[in-house]
Amino acid sequence: MKTYKKDDIAIGWNPEKCIHAGNCARQLSSVFKPNEKPWIQPENATKEAIIEQVGKCPSGALSIIRNEA
């Protein structure tokens, strides 16, 4: 799993689970940019918007990891 940090969370991406539905890129294109590297750019949206979008991932390939302080 690859992780991309934003504030007190990280976006986890498990490429083996990804079915490439494209919901993330269509609905939050400021963060999820499949043609760029890195393809997940969490600095481009609010934490709340990212959490909401990751929750819509149909395959579960994207997840939110909360960093405990």
N, C-alpha and C. Protein backbone atom coordinates (compact mmCIF):
# COMPACT_ATOMS: atom_id res chain seq x y z
N MET A 1 0.83 -1.18 0.00
CA MET A 1 0.00 0.00 0.00
C MET A 1 0.88 1.24 0.00
N LYS A 2 0.52 2.19 -0.83
CA LYS A 2 1.21 3.47 -0.87
C LYS A 2 0.39 4.47 -0.07
N THR A 3 1.07 5.45 0.55
CA THR A 3 0.36 6.45 1.33
C THR A 3 0.76 7.86 0.92
N TYR A 4 -0.19 8.75 1.06
CA TYR A 4 -0.02 10.16 0.70
C TYR A 4 -0.57 10.99 1.85
N LYS A 5 0.29 11.75 2.53
CA LYS A 5 -0.09 12.45 3.76
C LYS A 5 -0.77 13.79 3.50
N LYS A 6 -1.73 14.09 4.41
CA LYS A 6 -2.43 15.38 4.42
C LYS A 6 -2.82 15.66 5.87
N ASP A 7 -2.22 16.67 6.46
CA ASP A 7 -2.51 17.04 7.85
C ASP A 7 -2.35 15.82 8.77
N ASP A 8 -3.41 15.46 9.48
CA ASP A 8 -3.32 14.34 10.43
C ASP A 8 -3.89 13.04 9.86
N ILE A 9 -4.01 12.97 8.53
CA ILE A 9 -4.46 11.74 7.88
C ILE A 9 -3.49 11.39 6.75
N ALA A 10 -3.69 10.22 6.21
CA ALA A 10 -2.99 9.83 4.99
C ALA A 10 -4.00 9.09 4.11
N ILE A 11 -3.83 9.23 2.82
CA ILE A 11 -4.63 8.46 1.86
C ILE A 11 -3.84 7.20 1.58
N GLY A 12 -4.46 6.07 1.79
CA GLY A 12 -3.84 4.80 1.44
C GLY A 12 -4.35 4.34 0.09
N TRP A 13 -3.47 3.83 -0.74
CA TRP A 13 -3.87 3.31 -2.05
C TRP A 13 -3.29 1.92 -2.22
N ASN A 14 -4.19 0.96 -2.44
CA ASN A 14 -3.79 -0.42 -2.67
C ASN A 14 -4.02 -0.73 -4.15
N PRO A 15 -2.98 -0.62 -4.98
CA PRO A 15 -3.17 -0.79 -6.43
C PRO A 15 -3.71 -2.15 -6.84
N GLU A 16 -3.48 -3.18 -6.04
CA GLU A 16 -3.98 -4.51 -6.38
C GLU A 16 -5.50 -4.59 -6.28
N LYS A 17 -6.11 -3.74 -5.45
CA LYS A 17 -7.56 -3.73 -5.30
C LYS A 17 -8.25 -2.80 -6.28
N CYS A 18 -7.51 -1.89 -6.88
CA CYS A 18 -8.10 -0.85 -7.72
C CYS A 18 -8.73 -1.46 -8.98
N ILE A 19 -10.00 -1.08 -9.22
CA ILE A 19 -10.69 -1.56 -10.43
C ILE A 19 -10.75 -0.46 -11.50
N HIS A 20 -10.10 0.66 -11.24
CA HIS A 20 -9.99 1.77 -12.19
C HIS A 20 -11.36 2.29 -12.64
N ALA A 21 -12.29 2.38 -11.69
CA ALA A 21 -13.62 2.93 -11.99
C ALA A 21 -13.51 4.41 -12.36
N GLY A 22 -12.53 5.09 -11.81
CA GLY A 22 -12.29 6.48 -12.17
C GLY A 22 -13.12 7.49 -11.40
N ASN A 23 -13.91 7.05 -10.43
CA ASN A 23 -14.74 7.97 -9.65
C ASN A 23 -13.89 9.05 -9.00
N CYS A 24 -12.77 8.67 -8.44
CA CYS A 24 -11.92 9.63 -7.73
C CYS A 24 -11.45 10.72 -8.67
N ALA A 25 -10.97 10.36 -9.84
CA ALA A 25 -10.43 11.33 -10.79
C ALA A 25 -11.53 12.22 -11.38
N ARG A 26 -12.71 11.68 -11.59
CA ARG A 26 -13.80 12.48 -12.14
C ARG A 26 -14.39 13.43 -11.09
N GLN A 27 -14.47 12.97 -9.85
CA GLN A 27 -15.18 13.75 -8.83
C GLN A 27 -14.27 14.64 -7.99
N LEU A 28 -12.98 14.36 -7.92
CA LEU A 28 -12.05 15.22 -7.19
C LEU A 28 -10.74 15.27 -7.98
N SER A 29 -10.84 15.85 -9.17
CA SER A 29 -9.71 15.85 -10.11
C SER A 29 -8.55 16.73 -9.65
N SER A 30 -8.78 17.59 -8.67
CA SER A 30 -7.68 18.40 -8.16
C SER A 30 -6.70 17.56 -7.34
N VAL A 31 -7.15 16.42 -6.84
CA VAL A 31 -6.31 15.53 -6.02
C VAL A 31 -5.90 14.28 -6.78
N PHE A 32 -6.84 13.64 -7.45
CA PHE A 32 -6.59 12.36 -8.11
C PHE A 32 -6.33 12.60 -9.60
N LYS A 33 -5.05 12.49 -9.99
CA LYS A 33 -4.60 12.83 -11.34
C LYS A 33 -3.85 11.63 -11.93
N PRO A 34 -4.58 10.69 -12.53
CA PRO A 34 -3.95 9.45 -12.99
C PRO A 34 -2.83 9.62 -14.01
N ASN A 35 -2.76 10.76 -14.68
CA ASN A 35 -1.72 10.95 -15.70
C ASN A 35 -0.50 11.69 -15.18
N GLU A 36 -0.45 11.93 -13.87
CA GLU A 36 0.68 12.65 -13.27
C GLU A 36 1.35 11.79 -12.21
N LYS A 37 2.54 12.19 -11.82
CA LYS A 37 3.26 11.51 -10.74
C LYS A 37 3.67 12.54 -9.72
N PRO A 38 3.35 12.37 -8.45
CA PRO A 38 2.48 11.32 -7.95
C PRO A 38 1.04 11.56 -8.40
N TRP A 39 0.29 10.49 -8.53
CA TRP A 39 -1.07 10.64 -9.06
C TRP A 39 -2.05 11.11 -8.00
N ILE A 40 -1.69 10.98 -6.72
CA ILE A 40 -2.52 11.51 -5.64
C ILE A 40 -1.80 12.73 -5.06
N GLN A 41 -2.47 13.89 -5.13
CA GLN A 41 -1.89 15.15 -4.68
C GLN A 41 -2.80 15.78 -3.62
N PRO A 42 -2.70 15.30 -2.37
CA PRO A 42 -3.63 15.74 -1.34
C PRO A 42 -3.54 17.21 -0.96
N GLU A 43 -2.48 17.88 -1.32
CA GLU A 43 -2.35 19.30 -0.99
C GLU A 43 -3.34 20.17 -1.77
N ASN A 44 -4.02 19.60 -2.74
CA ASN A 44 -4.91 20.37 -3.61
C ASN A 44 -6.38 20.39 -3.19
N ALA A 45 -6.70 19.87 -2.00
CA ALA A 45 -8.09 19.89 -1.53
C ALA A 45 -8.10 19.84 -0.01
N THR A 46 -9.25 20.10 0.56
CA THR A 46 -9.37 20.04 2.01
C THR A 46 -9.39 18.60 2.48
N LYS A 47 -9.02 18.43 3.71
CA LYS A 47 -9.05 17.10 4.32
C LYS A 47 -10.47 16.52 4.24
N GLU A 48 -11.47 17.36 4.50
CA GLU A 48 -12.86 16.91 4.49
C GLU A 48 -13.28 16.42 3.11
N ALA A 49 -12.89 17.15 2.06
CA ALA A 49 -13.23 16.74 0.70
C ALA A 49 -12.56 15.42 0.34
N ILE A 50 -11.34 15.24 0.78
CA ILE A 50 -10.61 14.00 0.50
C ILE A 50 -11.28 12.83 1.21
N ILE A 51 -11.61 13.00 2.49
CA ILE A 51 -12.27 11.92 3.24
C ILE A 51 -13.58 11.53 2.58
N GLU A 52 -14.36 12.53 2.16
CA GLU A 52 -15.63 12.25 1.51
C GLU A 52 -15.43 11.46 0.22
N GLN A 53 -14.47 11.87 -0.61
CA GLN A 53 -14.24 11.20 -1.89
C GLN A 53 -13.69 9.79 -1.70
N VAL A 54 -12.76 9.62 -0.80
CA VAL A 54 -12.19 8.29 -0.57
C VAL A 54 -13.29 7.32 -0.11
N GLY A 55 -14.24 7.82 0.65
CA GLY A 55 -15.36 6.98 1.09
C GLY A 55 -16.23 6.47 -0.04
N LYS A 56 -16.13 7.07 -1.22
CA LYS A 56 -16.92 6.66 -2.38
C LYS A 56 -16.21 5.65 -3.27
N CYS A 57 -15.00 5.26 -2.91
CA CYS A 57 -14.23 4.32 -3.74
C CYS A 57 -14.94 2.96 -3.78
N PRO A 58 -15.39 2.50 -4.96
CA PRO A 58 -16.18 1.27 -5.03
C PRO A 58 -15.39 -0.01 -4.72
N SER A 59 -14.10 0.01 -4.93
CA SER A 59 -13.31 -1.21 -4.71
C SER A 59 -12.67 -1.28 -3.33
N GLY A 60 -12.61 -0.15 -2.65
CA GLY A 60 -11.90 -0.10 -1.37
C GLY A 60 -10.40 0.05 -1.55
N ALA A 61 -9.96 0.36 -2.76
CA ALA A 61 -8.52 0.52 -3.00
C ALA A 61 -7.98 1.77 -2.30
N LEU A 62 -8.85 2.78 -2.14
CA LEU A 62 -8.48 3.99 -1.42
C LEU A 62 -9.00 3.90 0.01
N SER A 63 -8.20 4.35 0.95
CA SER A 63 -8.63 4.34 2.34
C SER A 63 -8.03 5.56 3.05
N ILE A 64 -8.62 5.88 4.18
CA ILE A 64 -8.11 6.96 5.02
C ILE A 64 -7.43 6.33 6.23
N ILE A 65 -6.23 6.76 6.48
CA ILE A 65 -5.47 6.30 7.64
C ILE A 65 -5.33 7.51 8.56
N ARG A 66 -5.84 7.38 9.76
CA ARG A 66 -5.79 8.49 10.71
C ARG A 66 -4.53 8.36 11.55
N ASN A 67 -3.77 9.43 11.59
CA ASN A 67 -2.54 9.46 12.39
C ASN A 67 -2.91 9.87 13.80
N GLU A 68 -2.68 8.99 14.74
CA GLU A 68 -2.96 9.29 16.13
C GLU A 68 -1.84 10.13 16.71
N ALA A 69 -2.19 11.19 17.40
CA ALA A 69 -1.18 12.07 18.00
C ALA A 69 -0.72 11.54 19.34
